[in-house]
Amino acid sequence: MKSQTTPTWLEDAVFYEIYPQTFCDSNGDGIGDIPGIINKLDYLKCLGVTALWLNPCFESPFWDAGYDVSDYYKVAPRYGTNADLKRLFEEARKLGIRVLLDLVPGHTSIEHPWFKQSCKHEPNVFTDWYIWTDSAWKWDVPGYRVISGHSERDAAYVTNFFYFQPALNYGFANPDPAQPWQQPVDAPGPQAVRHELRRIMAFWLDMGASGFRVDMAMAMVKGDPSQVETMRLWQEMRTWLQGKYSDACLVAEWGKPNQSIKGGFHIDFTVTFVFSKLAIFVWLGNTCANKPI
């Protein structure tokens, strides 16, 4: 991998996490939204915030708080529009605040059009975008959660968490010859998914995003206990990112900086969430008590 550089703005950045649904409701429908965040940018500036991390704001059934994406290229209507998000990027940048989006690349919703196409019996461009076994009757696959009977394919799909979060196919580090459905990382399906991931990132970076916090960054490639192939995947992404978007930032949900930083990430968020929220709450109370959110 080429030598890495760090965006200068990241050297002393102060991050603030926002789950849009619970932050600020601008239209009185009971759900926080992107215009609400825009309305509070001066408040965030007052706190000394220089970077925002937005939890998932893409279109989703919201069966898992937005971590079940059904369209990576569209803002969830409950939060606003793509134009609203672009305006947030622009207005925040005027105040010296960068905006990072929460990217969920490991799985989609079962409502995603890619998955609906992948469920079809007839081969198509999306057939190998997800991880499928070679039989719908194979219910027990050691080390993986599989769901049978959901589709017309004679196969079960691997899921990362709940049944409605089918795993995207980044390949297997060491495919088991006895399991021919386990594809290597250089197979056409995994390579197509990697290409699409770059397209998604480029779409939002071109619109004004300053980077991504990557959900489950350590778990893209399957059968990779040493994380070698997963680190290689992100090294490729970092090299591409540095070549086209050198000012952008990658933040990993990983928990092992010795791997994530080697893999190309700028930051590994390893804080304890309960403690961090308490600490942030106390800090806010002492810093801007005269400007309630």
Protein backbone atom coordinates (compact mmCIF):
# COMPACT_ATOMS: atom_id res chain seq x y z
CA MET A 1 0.00 0.00 0.00
CA LYS A 2 1.20 3.51 -0.77
CA SER A 3 2.31 5.72 2.10
CA GLN A 4 -0.68 7.17 3.89
CA THR A 5 -1.41 10.74 4.81
CA THR A 6 -3.88 12.10 7.33
CA PRO A 7 -6.25 14.97 6.48
CA THR A 8 -5.08 18.05 8.37
CA TRP A 9 -8.58 18.74 9.71
CA LEU A 10 -8.57 15.37 11.49
CA GLU A 11 -5.53 16.16 13.64
CA ASP A 12 -7.57 18.06 16.24
CA ALA A 13 -11.14 17.12 15.28
CA VAL A 14 -13.87 17.00 17.94
CA PHE A 15 -16.54 14.44 16.98
CA TYR A 16 -20.20 14.54 17.93
CA GLU A 17 -22.49 11.58 17.23
CA ILE A 18 -26.05 12.24 16.08
CA TYR A 19 -28.80 9.69 15.65
CA PRO A 20 -31.03 11.85 13.43
CA GLN A 21 -34.31 10.38 14.70
CA THR A 22 -33.73 11.61 18.25
CA PHE A 23 -31.85 14.87 17.73
CA CYS A 24 -34.10 17.69 16.50
CA ASP A 25 -37.54 17.54 14.86
CA SER A 26 -38.02 20.47 12.47
CA ASN A 27 -41.53 19.70 11.21
CA GLY A 28 -43.40 18.44 14.28
CA ASP A 29 -43.90 14.86 13.11
CA GLY A 30 -42.19 13.43 16.18
CA ILE A 31 -39.06 12.30 14.32
CA GLY A 32 -35.78 14.17 14.22
CA ASP A 33 -34.58 15.07 10.75
CA ILE A 34 -31.79 16.60 8.71
CA PRO A 35 -33.30 20.11 8.58
CA GLY A 36 -33.39 19.89 12.38
CA ILE A 37 -29.65 19.20 12.44
CA ILE A 38 -29.08 22.18 10.16
CA ASN A 39 -31.06 24.35 12.58
CA LYS A 40 -28.70 23.33 15.40
CA LEU A 41 -25.38 23.85 13.65
CA ASP A 42 -24.67 27.10 15.52
CA TYR A 43 -25.30 25.24 18.78
CA LEU A 44 -22.90 22.48 17.78
CA LYS A 45 -20.33 25.09 16.76
CA CYS A 46 -20.69 26.64 20.22
CA LEU A 47 -19.77 23.30 21.78
CA GLY A 48 -16.52 23.21 19.85
CA VAL A 49 -17.68 20.42 17.54
CA THR A 50 -15.72 20.14 14.29
CA ALA A 51 -17.00 16.79 12.97
CA LEU A 52 -20.41 15.11 13.00
CA TRP A 53 -21.01 11.38 12.78
CA LEU A 54 -24.56 10.71 11.62
CA ASN A 55 -25.95 7.28 12.40
CA PRO A 56 -27.55 5.62 9.34
CA CYS A 57 -29.73 8.03 7.42
CA PHE A 58 -30.30 5.99 4.25
CA GLU A 59 -33.65 4.58 3.15
CA SER A 60 -34.55 1.61 5.33
CA PRO A 61 -37.50 -0.30 6.82
CA PHE A 62 -35.91 0.68 10.16
CA TRP A 63 -36.29 -2.78 11.65
CA ASP A 64 -32.80 -2.24 13.11
CA ALA A 65 -32.57 1.51 13.58
CA GLY A 66 -31.47 2.05 9.97
CA TYR A 67 -28.73 -0.58 10.02
CA ASP A 68 -30.82 -2.45 7.46
CA VAL A 69 -30.38 -0.34 4.34
CA SER A 70 -32.74 -0.68 1.38
CA ASP A 71 -31.17 2.09 -0.76
CA TYR A 72 -27.64 3.37 -0.22
CA TYR A 73 -28.20 6.27 -2.60
CA LYS A 74 -31.28 7.81 -0.98
CA VAL A 75 -31.88 9.59 2.32
CA ALA A 76 -34.69 8.02 4.36
CA PRO A 77 -37.85 10.11 3.77
CA ARG A 78 -38.43 10.38 7.52
CA TYR A 79 -35.20 12.40 7.69
CA GLY A 80 -35.59 14.46 4.55
CA THR A 81 -34.13 14.35 1.06
CA ASN A 82 -30.76 14.06 -0.64
CA ALA A 83 -30.97 17.82 -1.19
CA ASP A 84 -31.37 18.31 2.57
CA LEU A 85 -28.28 16.24 3.27
CA LYS A 86 -26.29 18.14 0.66
CA ARG A 87 -27.35 21.40 2.31
CA LEU A 88 -26.22 20.02 5.68
CA PHE A 89 -22.80 19.28 4.20
CA GLU A 90 -22.59 22.80 2.81
CA GLU A 91 -23.87 24.69 5.86
CA ALA A 92 -21.76 22.66 8.25
CA ARG A 93 -18.62 23.24 6.18
CA LYS A 94 -19.20 27.00 6.37
CA LEU A 95 -18.89 26.67 10.15
CA GLY A 96 -15.81 24.47 9.96
CA ILE A 97 -17.76 21.28 10.70
CA ARG A 98 -17.23 18.10 8.69
CA VAL A 99 -20.00 15.50 8.31
CA LEU A 100 -19.32 11.76 8.28
CA LEU A 101 -22.01 9.27 7.30
CA ASP A 102 -22.54 5.87 8.87
CA LEU A 103 -21.82 3.30 6.18
CA VAL A 104 -23.24 -0.22 6.61
CA PRO A 105 -21.39 -2.27 3.98
CA GLY A 106 -21.65 -5.74 5.49
CA HIS A 107 -25.31 -6.42 4.84
CA THR A 108 -28.50 -4.89 3.48
CA SER A 109 -32.18 -5.16 4.26
CA ILE A 110 -34.15 -8.01 2.70
CA GLU A 111 -36.15 -5.16 1.17
CA HIS A 112 -33.17 -4.03 -0.90
CA PRO A 113 -33.72 -4.53 -4.65
CA TRP A 114 -30.33 -6.24 -4.91
CA PHE A 115 -31.42 -8.94 -2.49
CA LYS A 116 -34.81 -9.38 -4.12
CA GLN A 117 -33.05 -10.05 -7.41
CA SER A 118 -30.53 -12.34 -5.71
CA CYS A 119 -33.43 -14.40 -4.33
CA LYS A 120 -34.56 -15.38 -7.82
CA HIS A 121 -33.96 -18.87 -9.14
CA GLU A 122 -32.82 -17.65 -12.53
CA PRO A 123 -29.19 -16.41 -12.52
CA ASN A 124 -28.82 -12.64 -12.84
CA VAL A 125 -26.29 -9.91 -12.13
CA PHE A 126 -27.09 -9.99 -8.39
CA THR A 127 -27.07 -13.77 -7.92
CA ASP A 128 -23.68 -13.77 -6.18
CA TRP A 129 -23.89 -10.40 -4.44
CA TYR A 130 -24.99 -12.20 -1.28
CA ILE A 131 -23.72 -15.37 0.39
CA TRP A 132 -25.91 -18.38 -0.39
CA THR A 133 -25.35 -22.02 0.49
CA ASP A 134 -25.93 -24.74 -2.11
CA SER A 135 -29.13 -26.11 -0.58
CA ALA A 136 -32.24 -24.73 1.10
CA TRP A 137 -32.15 -27.89 3.24
CA LYS A 138 -28.77 -27.04 4.72
CA TRP A 139 -30.00 -25.49 7.95
CA ASP A 140 -26.93 -25.92 10.12
CA VAL A 141 -23.72 -24.32 8.87
CA PRO A 142 -21.12 -24.16 11.68
CA GLY A 143 -19.91 -20.63 12.27
CA TYR A 144 -22.68 -18.93 10.30
CA ARG A 145 -26.32 -17.99 10.70
CA VAL A 146 -28.35 -19.13 7.70
CA ILE A 147 -31.98 -18.59 6.74
CA SER A 148 -33.84 -21.15 4.65
CA GLY A 149 -37.18 -20.96 2.89
CA HIS A 150 -37.23 -17.23 2.25
CA SER A 151 -36.61 -17.32 -1.48
CA GLU A 152 -37.35 -19.38 -4.56
CA ARG A 153 -33.67 -20.35 -4.76
CA ASP A 154 -32.66 -23.78 -3.60
CA ALA A 155 -30.31 -22.17 -1.11
CA ALA A 156 -30.09 -20.59 2.31
CA TYR A 157 -28.59 -17.15 2.80
CA VAL A 158 -26.02 -16.13 5.39
CA THR A 159 -27.12 -13.32 7.68
CA ASN A 160 -24.95 -11.09 9.84
CA PHE A 161 -27.45 -10.40 12.62
CA PHE A 162 -31.21 -10.65 12.23
CA TYR A 163 -32.94 -12.64 9.48
CA PHE A 164 -33.64 -9.40 7.60
CA GLN A 165 -29.93 -8.51 7.26
CA PRO A 166 -28.46 -10.80 4.56
CA ALA A 167 -24.69 -10.63 4.32
CA LEU A 168 -23.18 -9.08 1.23
CA ASN A 169 -20.59 -11.28 -0.45
CA TYR A 170 -17.01 -10.08 -0.05
CA GLY A 171 -15.78 -13.63 -0.42
CA PHE A 172 -14.05 -16.09 1.91
CA ALA A 173 -10.43 -15.81 2.94
CA ASN A 174 -9.99 -19.58 2.81
CA PRO A 175 -12.93 -21.20 1.02
CA ASP A 176 -13.67 -24.73 2.19
CA PRO A 177 -13.35 -27.12 -0.78
CA ALA A 178 -16.13 -29.18 0.78
CA GLN A 179 -18.40 -26.11 0.63
CA PRO A 180 -18.34 -25.01 -3.02
CA TRP A 181 -20.73 -22.14 -2.29
CA GLN A 182 -17.91 -20.36 -0.42
CA GLN A 183 -16.42 -18.07 -3.06
CA PRO A 184 -12.87 -16.66 -2.98
CA VAL A 185 -12.38 -12.92 -2.63
CA ASP A 186 -11.43 -12.56 -6.30
CA ALA A 187 -14.60 -14.23 -7.62
CA PRO A 188 -16.87 -12.07 -9.81
CA GLY A 189 -19.57 -11.65 -7.14
CA PRO A 190 -17.28 -10.37 -4.37
CA GLN A 191 -15.44 -8.14 -6.83
CA ALA A 192 -18.72 -6.62 -8.04
CA VAL A 193 -19.74 -5.86 -4.46
CA ARG A 194 -16.41 -4.13 -3.79
CA HIS A 195 -16.84 -2.03 -6.92
CA GLU A 196 -20.32 -1.03 -5.80
CA LEU A 197 -19.01 -0.06 -2.36
CA ARG A 198 -16.63 2.40 -4.01
CA ARG A 199 -19.51 3.81 -6.09
CA ILE A 200 -21.57 4.38 -2.94
CA MET A 201 -18.73 6.13 -1.17
CA ALA A 202 -17.97 8.29 -4.21
CA PHE A 203 -21.63 9.29 -4.54
CA TRP A 204 -21.75 10.86 -1.08
CA LEU A 205 -18.21 12.22 -1.11
CA ASP A 206 -18.96 14.01 -4.37
CA MET A 207 -22.04 15.49 -2.69
CA GLY A 208 -19.94 16.87 0.17
CA ALA A 209 -19.54 14.19 2.84
CA SER A 210 -16.17 14.18 4.58
CA GLY A 211 -15.94 10.45 5.13
CA PHE A 212 -17.56 7.47 6.78
CA ARG A 213 -17.82 5.63 10.03
CA VAL A 214 -17.88 2.02 8.83
CA ASP A 215 -20.17 -0.40 10.61
CA MET A 216 -18.74 -3.89 11.26
CA ALA A 217 -15.57 -2.97 9.42
CA MET A 218 -13.79 -6.04 10.76
CA ALA A 219 -16.30 -8.55 9.41
CA MET A 220 -16.49 -8.08 5.66
CA VAL A 221 -14.58 -11.13 4.43
CA LYS A 222 -15.82 -14.41 5.89
CA GLY A 223 -13.63 -17.19 7.23
CA ASP A 224 -10.92 -14.65 7.99
CA PRO A 225 -10.00 -15.08 11.68
CA SER A 226 -6.68 -13.26 11.33
CA GLN A 227 -8.41 -10.43 9.40
CA VAL A 228 -5.74 -10.55 6.68
CA GLU A 229 -8.14 -10.40 3.74
CA THR A 230 -10.40 -7.90 5.48
CA MET A 231 -7.43 -5.61 6.10
CA ARG A 232 -6.42 -6.04 2.46
CA LEU A 233 -9.92 -5.02 1.36
CA TRP A 234 -9.78 -1.80 3.37
CA GLN A 235 -6.21 -1.09 2.30
CA GLU A 236 -7.49 -1.15 -1.28
CA MET A 237 -10.31 1.22 -0.33
CA ARG A 238 -7.90 3.58 1.45
CA THR A 239 -5.55 3.64 -1.52
CA TRP A 240 -8.47 4.47 -3.82
CA LEU A 241 -9.80 7.05 -1.37
CA GLN A 242 -6.44 8.74 -0.97
CA GLY A 243 -6.05 8.98 -4.71
CA LYS A 244 -9.45 10.60 -5.37
CA TYR A 245 -10.60 12.03 -2.01
CA SER A 246 -7.46 12.69 -0.01
CA ASP A 247 -9.29 14.95 2.45
CA ALA A 248 -11.79 12.25 3.45
CA CYS A 249 -11.72 10.22 6.65
CA LEU A 250 -12.40 6.55 7.41
CA VAL A 251 -13.46 5.58 10.94
CA ALA A 252 -13.71 1.90 11.84
CA GLU A 253 -16.04 0.01 14.11
CA TRP A 254 -13.37 -2.60 14.77
CA GLY A 255 -12.02 -2.55 18.30
CA LYS A 256 -8.45 -3.53 17.39
CA PRO A 257 -6.45 -0.49 16.26
CA ASN A 258 -3.42 -2.63 15.48
CA GLN A 259 -5.51 -4.18 12.70
CA SER A 260 -7.82 -1.35 11.64
CA ILE A 261 -5.10 1.29 11.31
CA LYS A 262 -2.90 -1.17 9.42
CA GLY A 263 -5.94 -1.83 7.26
CA GLY A 264 -6.10 1.82 6.21
CA PHE A 265 -8.50 3.44 8.68
CA HIS A 266 -7.67 6.79 10.21
CA ILE A 267 -9.46 6.08 13.50
CA ASP A 268 -10.77 3.07 15.41
CA PHE A 269 -13.64 3.93 17.72
CA THR A 270 -13.09 1.76 20.77
CA VAL A 271 -14.82 3.79 23.48
CA THR A 272 -17.44 2.28 25.79
CA PHE A 273 -20.72 3.70 24.57
CA VAL A 274 -22.49 4.06 27.92
CA PHE A 275 -19.53 5.87 29.47
CA SER A 276 -18.96 8.07 26.44
CA LYS A 277 -22.56 9.26 26.34
CA LEU A 278 -22.46 10.07 30.05
CA ALA A 279 -19.20 11.96 29.60
CA ILE A 280 -20.56 13.90 26.63
CA PHE A 281 -23.74 14.74 28.54
CA VAL A 282 -21.78 16.18 31.48
CA TRP A 283 -19.48 18.11 29.16
CA LEU A 284 -22.40 19.66 27.30
CA GLY A 285 -24.07 20.68 30.52
CA ASN A 286 -20.96 22.54 31.66
CA THR A 287 -20.12 24.12 28.34
CA CYS A 288 -23.32 25.52 26.88
CA ALA A 289 -25.88 25.49 29.67
CA ASN A 290 -27.46 28.70 28.37
CA LYS A 291 -28.16 27.16 24.95
CA PRO A 292 -30.41 24.14 25.43
CA ILE A 293 -30.64 21.79 22.53
